[in-house]
Amino acid sequence: MIPFIVGAIAGALAVRTVQRTSVRGKLPAIPVGRVKEGLRDATLASLNSIEHSSARLRQRIERPAPVESDAVTPDVAPAAVAPSSDEPQA
């Protein structure tokens, strides 16, 4: 509850300060058309990346599983079997 109260007080003080000072005249004017164009470009870029990643994922999912043959040879040679400790060594 305390953070809410502190935030409300800070917000009220910020609004009063902005109303008392002439901040609007000091800020540079940014053309709305330029902002809209930048936002549109960023949106298109993100949508294109989503489209490409979903296409790659779709290709990965749709690929058929490789066919395995019955006689599969292992890539690794079998480990050498050490003689058991019960047998006498020569």
Protein backbone atom coordinates (compact mmCIF):
# COMPACT_ATOMS: atom_id res chain seq x y z
CA MET A 1 0.00 0.00 0.00
CA ILE A 2 2.90 2.34 0.75
CA PRO A 3 4.38 2.13 -2.79
CA PHE A 4 0.95 3.04 -4.20
CA ILE A 5 0.69 6.11 -1.97
CA VAL A 6 4.25 7.21 -2.74
CA GLY A 7 3.60 6.75 -6.49
CA ALA A 8 0.39 8.78 -6.32
CA ILE A 9 2.16 11.61 -4.50
CA ALA A 10 5.07 11.55 -6.96
CA GLY A 11 2.62 11.61 -9.90
CA ALA A 12 0.71 14.54 -8.44
CA LEU A 13 3.93 16.48 -7.90
CA ALA A 14 5.08 15.73 -11.44
CA VAL A 15 1.77 16.96 -12.90
CA ARG A 16 1.95 20.17 -10.85
CA THR A 17 5.54 20.78 -11.93
CA VAL A 18 4.71 20.29 -15.62
CA GLN A 19 1.71 22.62 -15.33
CA ARG A 20 3.77 25.35 -13.67
CA THR A 21 6.67 25.28 -16.12
CA SER A 22 6.46 25.83 -19.82
CA VAL A 23 7.89 22.51 -20.92
CA ARG A 24 5.94 22.41 -24.16
CA GLY A 25 7.88 25.29 -25.68
CA LYS A 26 11.24 23.71 -24.85
CA LEU A 27 10.61 20.27 -26.37
CA PRO A 28 11.52 19.81 -30.03
CA ALA A 29 8.59 19.28 -32.35
CA ILE A 30 8.66 15.85 -33.97
CA PRO A 31 6.52 15.47 -37.07
CA VAL A 32 3.76 12.93 -36.53
CA GLY A 33 4.22 11.52 -40.04
CA ARG A 34 7.84 10.63 -39.32
CA VAL A 35 6.88 8.88 -36.09
CA LYS A 36 4.15 6.91 -37.86
CA GLU A 37 6.58 5.91 -40.62
CA GLY A 38 9.15 4.68 -38.10
CA LEU A 39 6.53 2.72 -36.21
CA ARG A 40 5.21 1.20 -39.45
CA ASP A 41 8.74 0.17 -40.50
CA ALA A 42 9.44 -1.45 -37.14
CA THR A 43 6.12 -3.31 -37.26
CA LEU A 44 6.78 -4.61 -40.77
CA ALA A 45 10.27 -5.77 -39.82
CA SER A 46 8.99 -7.67 -36.80
CA LEU A 47 6.15 -9.25 -38.79
CA ASN A 48 8.61 -10.35 -41.49
CA SER A 49 10.88 -11.98 -38.94
CA ILE A 50 7.92 -13.79 -37.37
CA GLU A 51 6.82 -14.98 -40.82
CA HIS A 52 10.29 -16.31 -41.68
CA SER A 53 10.76 -18.06 -38.34
CA SER A 54 7.34 -19.72 -38.57
CA ALA A 55 8.12 -20.89 -42.12
CA ARG A 56 11.41 -22.44 -40.94
CA LEU A 57 9.61 -24.13 -38.05
CA ARG A 58 6.90 -25.41 -40.39
CA GLN A 59 9.56 -26.93 -42.69
CA ARG A 60 11.25 -28.57 -39.73
CA ILE A 61 7.97 -30.08 -38.53
CA GLU A 62 6.80 -31.27 -41.96
CA ARG A 63 10.04 -33.10 -42.83
CA PRO A 64 9.55 -36.87 -42.81
CA ALA A 65 11.52 -38.79 -40.23
CA PRO A 66 14.56 -40.59 -41.66
CA VAL A 67 13.92 -44.25 -42.49
CA GLU A 68 15.90 -46.58 -40.25
CA SER A 69 17.05 -49.93 -41.60
CA ASP A 70 17.00 -53.15 -39.59
CA ALA A 71 20.77 -53.64 -39.75
CA VAL A 72 21.99 -50.49 -38.10
CA THR A 73 25.72 -50.34 -37.56
CA PRO A 74 26.78 -48.31 -34.56
CA ASP A 75 29.02 -45.30 -35.16
CA VAL A 76 31.09 -46.17 -32.10
CA ALA A 77 33.12 -49.33 -31.81
CA PRO A 78 32.07 -51.60 -28.92
CA ALA A 79 34.13 -51.21 -25.79
CA ALA A 80 36.76 -53.84 -25.10
CA VAL A 81 35.64 -56.29 -22.44
CA ALA A 82 38.07 -56.46 -19.56
CA PRO A 83 38.66 -59.92 -18.07
CA SER A 84 36.79 -60.51 -14.86
CA SER A 85 38.74 -60.39 -11.65
CA ASP A 86 37.79 -64.02 -10.84
CA GLU A 87 39.96 -65.42 -13.62
CA PRO A 88 43.70 -65.67 -12.95
CA GLN A 89 45.81 -63.49 -15.16
CA ALA A 90 48.94 -64.88 -16.74
